[in-house]
């Protein structure tokens, strides 16, 4: 993975937040008009509008991986 968590953009943080809330199931990379787009996948399998488009599949995958890492549940403060 080329990107780090510190290099996240606003759309990645928002998508991760929506995934954590349960409105969207996960992020995915799909082909969109010759580009590789990162989209949200709803519970019924339909896609959201493209949130980012990349010419290289690897960059789209990296962006999606950052979203998925941000969306992972974190330890509760009370657990410390």
PDB file of N, CA and C in Angstrom:
ATOM      1  N   UNK A   1       0.835  -1.165   0.000  1.00  0.00           N
ATOM      2  CA  UNK A   1       0.000   0.000   0.000  1.00  0.00           C
ATOM      3  C   UNK A   1       0.888   1.240   0.000  1.00  0.00           C
ATOM      4  N   UNK A   2       0.612   2.170  -0.880  1.00  0.00           N
ATOM      5  CA  UNK A   2       1.434   3.362  -1.005  1.00  0.00           C
ATOM      6  C   UNK A   2       1.001   4.483  -0.070  1.00  0.00           C
ATOM      7  N   UNK A   3      -0.292   4.617   0.178  1.00  0.00           N
ATOM      8  CA  UNK A   3      -0.802   5.704   1.004  1.00  0.00           C
ATOM      9  C   UNK A   3      -0.724   5.354   2.482  1.00  0.00           C
ATOM     10  N   UNK A   4      -0.622   6.387   3.282  1.00  0.00           N
ATOM     11  CA  UNK A   4      -0.663   6.188   4.724  1.00  0.00           C
ATOM     12  C   UNK A   4      -1.908   6.870   5.269  1.00  0.00           C
ATOM     13  N   UNK A   5      -2.250   6.535   6.497  1.00  0.00           N
ATOM     14  CA  UNK A   5      -3.433   7.128   7.111  1.00  0.00           C
ATOM     15  C   UNK A   5      -3.307   8.650   7.184  1.00  0.00           C
ATOM     16  N   UNK A   6      -2.117   9.169   7.378  1.00  0.00           N
ATOM     17  CA  UNK A   6      -1.939  10.619   7.479  1.00  0.00           C
ATOM     18  C   UNK A   6      -2.196  11.329   6.153  1.00  0.00           C
ATOM     19  N   UNK A   7      -2.224  10.600   5.048  1.00  0.00           N
ATOM     20  CA  UNK A   7      -2.443  11.200   3.731  1.00  0.00           C
ATOM     21  C   UNK A   7      -3.891  11.066   3.265  1.00  0.00           C
ATOM     22  N   UNK A   8      -4.821  10.938   4.192  1.00  0.00           N
ATOM     23  CA  UNK A   8      -6.216  10.765   3.808  1.00  0.00           C
ATOM     24  C   UNK A   8      -6.815  12.083   3.357  1.00  0.00           C
ATOM     25  N   UNK A   9      -7.823  11.975   2.518  1.00  0.00           N
ATOM     26  CA  UNK A   9      -8.540  13.153   2.052  1.00  0.00           C
ATOM     27  C   UNK A   9      -9.914  13.179   2.708  1.00  0.00           C
ATOM     28  N   UNK A  10     -10.606  14.284   2.530  1.00  0.00           N
ATOM     29  CA  UNK A  10     -11.902  14.462   3.172  1.00  0.00           C
ATOM     30  C   UNK A  10     -12.899  13.384   2.752  1.00  0.00           C
ATOM     31  N   UNK A  11     -12.934  13.029   1.461  1.00  0.00           N
ATOM     32  CA  UNK A  11     -13.911  12.036   1.021  1.00  0.00           C
ATOM     33  C   UNK A  11     -13.643  10.681   1.661  1.00  0.00           C
ATOM     34  N   UNK A  12     -12.373  10.349   1.906  1.00  0.00           N
ATOM     35  CA  UNK A  12     -12.055   9.066   2.539  1.00  0.00           C
ATOM     36  C   UNK A  12     -12.557   9.039   3.979  1.00  0.00           C
ATOM     37  N   UNK A  13     -12.387  10.126   4.685  1.00  0.00           N
ATOM     38  CA  UNK A  13     -12.876  10.196   6.067  1.00  0.00           C
ATOM     39  C   UNK A  13     -14.402  10.121   6.111  1.00  0.00           C
ATOM     40  N   UNK A  14     -15.068  10.810   5.193  1.00  0.00           N
ATOM     41  CA  UNK A  14     -16.533  10.786   5.162  1.00  0.00           C
ATOM     42  C   UNK A  14     -17.057   9.394   4.800  1.00  0.00           C
ATOM     43  N   UNK A  15     -16.458   8.759   3.815  1.00  0.00           N
ATOM     44  CA  UNK A  15     -16.899   7.415   3.435  1.00  0.00           C
ATOM     45  C   UNK A  15     -16.692   6.437   4.582  1.00  0.00           C
ATOM     46  N   UNK A  16     -15.569   6.518   5.269  1.00  0.00           N
ATOM     47  CA  UNK A  16     -15.323   5.642   6.416  1.00  0.00           C
ATOM     48  C   UNK A  16     -16.356   5.875   7.510  1.00  0.00           C
ATOM     49  N   UNK A  17     -16.734   7.123   7.725  1.00  0.00           N
ATOM     50  CA  UNK A  17     -17.745   7.448   8.731  1.00  0.00           C
ATOM     51  C   UNK A  17     -19.101   6.856   8.360  1.00  0.00           C
ATOM     52  N   UNK A  18     -19.465   6.941   7.089  1.00  0.00           N
ATOM     53  CA  UNK A  18     -20.744   6.387   6.637  1.00  0.00           C
ATOM     54  C   UNK A  18     -20.733   4.860   6.734  1.00  0.00           C
ATOM     55  N   UNK A  19     -19.593   4.237   6.475  1.00  0.00           N
ATOM     56  CA  UNK A  19     -19.477   2.781   6.618  1.00  0.00           C
ATOM     57  C   UNK A  19     -19.632   2.393   8.085  1.00  0.00           C
ATOM     58  N   UNK A  20     -18.972   3.121   8.974  1.00  0.00           N
ATOM     59  CA  UNK A  20     -19.094   2.830  10.414  1.00  0.00           C
ATOM     60  C   UNK A  20     -20.524   3.005  10.897  1.00  0.00           C
ATOM     61  N   UNK A  21     -21.257   3.965  10.330  1.00  0.00           N
ATOM     62  CA  UNK A  21     -22.637   4.205  10.754  1.00  0.00           C
ATOM     63  C   UNK A  21     -23.590   3.126  10.250  1.00  0.00           C
ATOM     64  N   UNK A  22     -23.165   2.352   9.260  1.00  0.00           N
ATOM     65  CA  UNK A  22     -23.999   1.276   8.744  1.00  0.00           C
ATOM     66  C   UNK A  22     -24.834   1.637   7.528  1.00  0.00           C
ATOM     67  N   UNK A  23     -24.763   2.878   7.063  1.00  0.00           N
ATOM     68  CA  UNK A  23     -25.534   3.266   5.883  1.00  0.00           C
ATOM     69  C   UNK A  23     -24.973   2.639   4.611  1.00  0.00           C
ATOM     70  N   UNK A  24     -23.668   2.475   4.573  1.00  0.00           N
ATOM     71  CA  UNK A  24     -23.002   1.821   3.445  1.00  0.00           C
ATOM     72  C   UNK A  24     -22.249   0.625   3.998  1.00  0.00           C
ATOM     73  N   UNK A  25     -22.256  -0.468   3.235  1.00  0.00           N
ATOM     74  CA  UNK A  25     -21.660  -1.718   3.700  1.00  0.00           C
ATOM     75  C   UNK A  25     -20.135  -1.712   3.617  1.00  0.00           C
ATOM     76  N   UNK A  26     -19.592  -1.230   2.482  1.00  0.00           N
ATOM     77  CA  UNK A  26     -18.144  -1.269   2.278  1.00  0.00           C
ATOM     78  C   UNK A  26     -17.779  -0.370   1.102  1.00  0.00           C
ATOM     79  N   UNK A  27     -16.483  -0.221   0.875  1.00  0.00           N
ATOM     80  CA  UNK A  27     -15.986   0.515  -0.287  1.00  0.00           C
ATOM     81  C   UNK A  27     -15.546  -0.494  -1.341  1.00  0.00           C
ATOM     82  N   UNK A  28     -15.599  -0.084  -2.601  1.00  0.00           N
ATOM     83  CA  UNK A  28     -15.182  -0.963  -3.692  1.00  0.00           C
ATOM     84  C   UNK A  28     -14.599  -0.124  -4.822  1.00  0.00           C
ATOM     85  N   UNK A  29     -13.814  -0.785  -5.673  1.00  0.00           N
ATOM     86  CA  UNK A  29     -13.278  -0.153  -6.880  1.00  0.00           C
ATOM     87  C   UNK A  29     -14.044  -0.728  -8.063  1.00  0.00           C
ATOM     88  N   UNK A  30     -14.602   0.150  -8.894  1.00  0.00           N
ATOM     89  CA  UNK A  30     -15.344  -0.275 -10.083  1.00  0.00           C
ATOM     90  C   UNK A  30     -14.819   0.492 -11.293  1.00  0.00           C
ATOM     91  N   UNK A  31     -15.046  -0.059 -12.479  1.00  0.00           N
ATOM     92  CA  UNK A  31     -14.697   0.641 -13.713  1.00  0.00           C
ATOM     93  C   UNK A  31     -15.782   1.661 -14.009  1.00  0.00           C
ATOM     94  N   UNK A  32     -15.378   2.888 -14.310  1.00  0.00           N
ATOM     95  CA  UNK A  32     -16.323   3.966 -14.571  1.00  0.00           C
ATOM     96  C   UNK A  32     -15.798   4.810 -15.716  1.00  0.00           C
ATOM     97  N   UNK A  33     -16.373   4.622 -16.895  1.00  0.00           N
ATOM     98  CA  UNK A  33     -16.005   5.396 -18.087  1.00  0.00           C
ATOM     99  C   UNK A  33     -14.504   5.390 -18.359  1.00  0.00           C
ATOM    100  N   UNK A  34     -13.905   4.215 -18.270  1.00  0.00           N
ATOM    101  CA  UNK A  34     -12.488   4.072 -18.565  1.00  0.00           C
ATOM    102  C   UNK A  34     -11.560   4.382 -17.406  1.00  0.00           C
ATOM    103  N   UNK A  35     -12.115   4.751 -16.268  1.00  0.00           N
ATOM    104  CA  UNK A  35     -11.306   5.032 -15.082  1.00  0.00           C
ATOM    105  C   UNK A  35     -11.670   4.051 -13.978  1.00  0.00           C
ATOM    106  N   UNK A  36     -10.854   4.003 -12.954  1.00  0.00           N
ATOM    107  CA  UNK A  36     -11.116   3.153 -11.794  1.00  0.00           C
ATOM    108  C   UNK A  36     -11.653   4.058 -10.693  1.00  0.00           C
ATOM    109  N   UNK A  37     -12.906   3.837 -10.301  1.00  0.00           N
ATOM    110  CA  UNK A  37     -13.568   4.706  -9.335  1.00  0.00           C
ATOM    111  C   UNK A  37     -13.757   3.994  -8.006  1.00  0.00           C
ATOM    112  N   UNK A  38     -13.606   4.751  -6.928  1.00  0.00           N
ATOM    113  CA  UNK A  38     -13.902   4.237  -5.590  1.00  0.00           C
ATOM    114  C   UNK A  38     -15.333   4.645  -5.275  1.00  0.00           C
ATOM    115  N   UNK A  39     -16.149   3.664  -4.925  1.00  0.00           N
ATOM    116  CA  UNK A  39     -17.557   3.894  -4.617  1.00  0.00           C
ATOM    117  C   UNK A  39     -17.904   3.221  -3.298  1.00  0.00           C
ATOM    118  N   UNK A  40     -19.029   3.613  -2.743  1.00  0.00           N
ATOM    119  CA  UNK A  40     -19.581   2.917  -1.591  1.00  0.00           C
ATOM    120  C   UNK A  40     -20.566   1.878  -2.088  1.00  0.00           C
ATOM    121  N   UNK A  41     -20.636   0.748  -1.400  1.00  0.00           N
ATOM    122  CA  UNK A  41     -21.569  -0.316  -1.769  1.00  0.00           C
ATOM    123  C   UNK A  41     -22.636  -0.388  -0.684  1.00  0.00           C
ATOM    124  N   UNK A  42     -23.895  -0.138  -1.077  1.00  0.00           N
ATOM    125  CA  UNK A  42     -25.005  -0.211  -0.132  1.00  0.00           C
ATOM    126  C   UNK A  42     -25.309  -1.662   0.214  1.00  0.00           C
ATOM    127  N   UNK A  43     -26.114  -1.866   1.244  1.00  0.00           N
ATOM    128  CA  UNK A  43     -26.463  -3.215   1.710  1.00  0.00           C
ATOM    129  C   UNK A  43     -27.124  -4.047   0.609  1.00  0.00           C
ATOM    130  N   UNK A  44     -27.883  -3.399  -0.289  1.00  0.00           N
ATOM    131  CA  UNK A  44     -28.566  -4.137  -1.358  1.00  0.00           C
ATOM    132  C   UNK A  44     -27.664  -4.419  -2.560  1.00  0.00           C
ATOM    133  N   UNK A  45     -26.395  -4.003  -2.491  1.00  0.00           N
ATOM    134  CA  UNK A  45     -25.449  -4.277  -3.566  1.00  0.00           C
ATOM    135  C   UNK A  45     -25.318  -3.168  -4.590  1.00  0.00           C
ATOM    136  N   UNK A  46     -26.148  -2.130  -4.498  1.00  0.00           N
ATOM    137  CA  UNK A  46     -26.036  -1.020  -5.445  1.00  0.00           C
ATOM    138  C   UNK A  46     -24.873  -0.113  -5.040  1.00  0.00           C
ATOM    139  N   UNK A  47     -24.400   0.672  -6.007  1.00  0.00           N
ATOM    140  CA  UNK A  47     -23.235   1.522  -5.794  1.00  0.00           C
ATOM    141  C   UNK A  47     -23.644   2.974  -5.570  1.00  0.00           C
ATOM    142  N   UNK A  48     -22.845   3.678  -4.794  1.00  0.00           N
ATOM    143  CA  UNK A  48     -23.015   5.122  -4.654  1.00  0.00           C
ATOM    144  C   UNK A  48     -22.383   5.801  -5.871  1.00  0.00           C
ATOM    145  N   UNK A  49     -22.487   7.100  -5.906  1.00  0.00           N
ATOM    146  CA  UNK A  49     -21.790   7.855  -6.946  1.00  0.00           C
ATOM    147  C   UNK A  49     -20.285   7.717  -6.719  1.00  0.00           C
ATOM    148  N   UNK A  50     -19.490   7.805  -7.775  1.00  0.00           N
ATOM    149  CA  UNK A  50     -18.034   7.718  -7.596  1.00  0.00           C
ATOM    150  C   UNK A  50     -17.529   8.840  -6.691  1.00  0.00           C
ATOM    151  N   UNK A  51     -16.701   8.475  -5.726  1.00  0.00           N
ATOM    152  CA  UNK A  51     -16.143   9.459  -4.805  1.00  0.00           C
ATOM    153  C   UNK A  51     -14.767   9.923  -5.249  1.00  0.00           C
ATOM    154  N   UNK A  52     -14.072   9.095  -6.007  1.00  0.00           N
ATOM    155  CA  UNK A  52     -12.766   9.455  -6.560  1.00  0.00           C
ATOM    156  C   UNK A  52     -12.523   8.590  -7.783  1.00  0.00           C
ATOM    157  N   UNK A  53     -11.829   9.147  -8.768  1.00  0.00           N
ATOM    158  CA  UNK A  53     -11.521   8.410  -9.994  1.00  0.00           C
ATOM    159  C   UNK A  53     -10.020   8.453 -10.233  1.00  0.00           C
ATOM    160  N   UNK A  54      -9.478   7.308 -10.617  1.00  0.00           N
ATOM    161  CA  UNK A  54      -8.040   7.184 -10.848  1.00  0.00           C
ATOM    162  C   UNK A  54      -7.798   6.499 -12.186  1.00  0.00           C
ATOM    163  N   UNK A  55      -6.718   6.867 -12.848  1.00  0.00           N
ATOM    164  CA  UNK A  55      -6.368   6.191 -14.097  1.00  0.00           C
ATOM    165  C   UNK A  55      -5.664   4.872 -13.813  1.00  0.00           C
ATOM    166  N   UNK A  56      -5.002   4.769 -12.669  1.00  0.00           N
ATOM    167  CA  UNK A  56      -4.295   3.539 -12.298  1.00  0.00           C
ATOM    168  C   UNK A  56      -5.104   2.761 -11.262  1.00  0.00           C
ATOM    169  N   UNK A  57      -5.294   1.477 -11.532  1.00  0.00           N
ATOM    170  CA  UNK A  57      -6.050   0.621 -10.615  1.00  0.00           C
ATOM    171  C   UNK A  57      -5.386   0.563  -9.243  1.00  0.00           C
ATOM    172  N   UNK A  58      -4.070   0.525  -9.223  1.00  0.00           N
ATOM    173  CA  UNK A  58      -3.336   0.416  -7.952  1.00  0.00           C
ATOM    174  C   UNK A  58      -3.610   1.608  -7.040  1.00  0.00           C
ATOM    175  N   UNK A  59      -3.689   2.799  -7.601  1.00  0.00           N
ATOM    176  CA  UNK A  59      -3.980   3.985  -6.785  1.00  0.00           C
ATOM    177  C   UNK A  59      -5.392   3.930  -6.227  1.00  0.00           C
ATOM    178  N   UNK A  60      -6.335   3.449  -7.034  1.00  0.00           N
ATOM    179  CA  UNK A  60      -7.712   3.312  -6.546  1.00  0.00           C
ATOM    180  C   UNK A  60      -7.784   2.286  -5.425  1.00  0.00           C
ATOM    181  N   UNK A  61      -7.061   1.180  -5.584  1.00  0.00           N
ATOM    182  CA  UNK A  61      -7.026   0.154  -4.541  1.00  0.00           C
ATOM    183  C   UNK A  61      -6.423   0.693  -3.255  1.00  0.00           C
ATOM    184  N   UNK A  62      -5.363   1.471  -3.366  1.00  0.00           N
ATOM    185  CA  UNK A  62      -4.735   2.071  -2.188  1.00  0.00           C
ATOM    186  C   UNK A  62      -5.705   3.004  -1.463  1.00  0.00           C
ATOM    187  N   UNK A  63      -6.423   3.825  -2.221  1.00  0.00           N
ATOM    188  CA  UNK A  63      -7.390   4.742  -1.613  1.00  0.00           C
ATOM    189  C   UNK A  63      -8.499   3.969  -0.914  1.00  0.00           C
ATOM    190  N   UNK A  64      -8.955   2.886  -1.540  1.00  0.00           N
ATOM    191  CA  UNK A  64      -9.996   2.058  -0.934  1.00  0.00           C
ATOM    192  C   UNK A  64      -9.482   1.387   0.339  1.00  0.00           C
ATOM    193  N   UNK A  65      -8.241   0.942   0.333  1.00  0.00           N
ATOM    194  CA  UNK A  65      -7.665   0.291   1.514  1.00  0.00           C
ATOM    195  C   UNK A  65      -7.583   1.261   2.691  1.00  0.00           C
ATOM    196  N   UNK A  66      -7.268   2.522   2.413  1.00  0.00           N
ATOM    197  CA  UNK A  66      -7.226   3.523   3.479  1.00  0.00           C
ATOM    198  C   UNK A  66      -8.620   3.711   4.067  1.00  0.00           C
ATOM    199  N   UNK A  67      -9.634   3.769   3.214  1.00  0.00           N
ATOM    200  CA  UNK A  67     -11.013   3.905   3.692  1.00  0.00           C
ATOM    201  C   UNK A  67     -11.380   2.718   4.571  1.00  0.00           C
ATOM    202  N   UNK A  68     -11.050   1.522   4.125  1.00  0.00           N
ATOM    203  CA  UNK A  68     -11.398   0.335   4.903  1.00  0.00           C
ATOM    204  C   UNK A  68     -10.673   0.316   6.244  1.00  0.00           C
ATOM    205  N   UNK A  69      -9.430   0.774   6.266  1.00  0.00           N
ATOM    206  CA  UNK A  69      -8.698   0.817   7.532  1.00  0.00           C
ATOM    207  C   UNK A  69      -9.307   1.859   8.468  1.00  0.00           C
ATOM    208  N   UNK A  70      -9.704   3.013   7.926  1.00  0.00           N
ATOM    209  CA  UNK A  70     -10.348   4.039   8.743  1.00  0.00           C
ATOM    210  C   UNK A  70     -11.706   3.576   9.265  1.00  0.00           C
ATOM    211  N   UNK A  71     -12.384   2.715   8.508  1.00  0.00           N
ATOM    212  CA  UNK A  71     -13.724   2.263   8.884  1.00  0.00           C
ATOM    213  C   UNK A  71     -13.708   1.158   9.927  1.00  0.00           C
ATOM    214  N   UNK A  72     -12.549   0.557  10.171  1.00  0.00           N
ATOM    215  CA  UNK A  72     -12.481  -0.509  11.168  1.00  0.00           C
ATOM    216  C   UNK A  72     -12.831   0.050  12.534  1.00  0.00           C
ATOM    217  N   UNK A  73     -13.589  -0.727  13.311  1.00  0.00           N
ATOM    218  CA  UNK A  73     -13.922  -0.245  14.658  1.00  0.00           C
ATOM    219  C   UNK A  73     -12.662  -0.126  15.505  1.00  0.00           C
ATOM    220  N   UNK A  74     -12.588   0.934  16.250  1.00  0.00           N
ATOM    221  CA  UNK A  74     -11.435   1.153  17.117  1.00  0.00           C
ATOM    222  C   UNK A  74     -11.788   0.742  18.539  1.00  0.00           C
ATOM    223  N   UNK A  75     -10.790   0.568  19.341  1.00  0.00           N
ATOM    224  CA  UNK A  75     -11.016   0.204  20.738  1.00  0.00           C
ATOM    225  C   UNK A  75     -11.716   1.356  21.460  1.00  0.00           C
ATOM    226  N   UNK A  76     -12.603   1.016  22.337  1.00  0.00           N
ATOM    227  CA  UNK A  76     -13.316   2.031  23.098  1.00  0.00           C
ATOM    228  C   UNK A  76     -12.386   2.696  24.107  1.00  0.00           C
ATOM    229  N   UNK A  77     -12.642   3.945  24.379  1.00  0.00           N
ATOM    230  CA  UNK A  77     -11.833   4.678  25.341  1.00  0.00           C
ATOM    231  C   UNK A  77     -11.921   4.015  26.710  1.00  0.00           C
ATOM    232  N   UNK A  78     -13.107   3.493  27.051  1.00  0.00           N
ATOM    233  CA  UNK A  78     -13.297   2.862  28.352  1.00  0.00           C
ATOM    234  C   UNK A  78     -12.440   1.610  28.516  1.00  0.00           C
ATOM    235  N   UNK A  79     -12.002   1.007  27.418  1.00  0.00           N
ATOM    236  CA  UNK A  79     -11.205  -0.218  27.489  1.00  0.00           C
ATOM    237  C   UNK A  79      -9.778   0.065  27.945  1.00  0.00           C
ATOM    238  N   UNK A  80      -9.352   1.318  27.890  1.00  0.00           N
ATOM    239  CA  UNK A  80      -7.978   1.659  28.290  1.00  0.00           C
ATOM    240  C   UNK A  80      -7.822   1.597  29.746  1.00  0.00           C
TER     241      UNK A  80
END
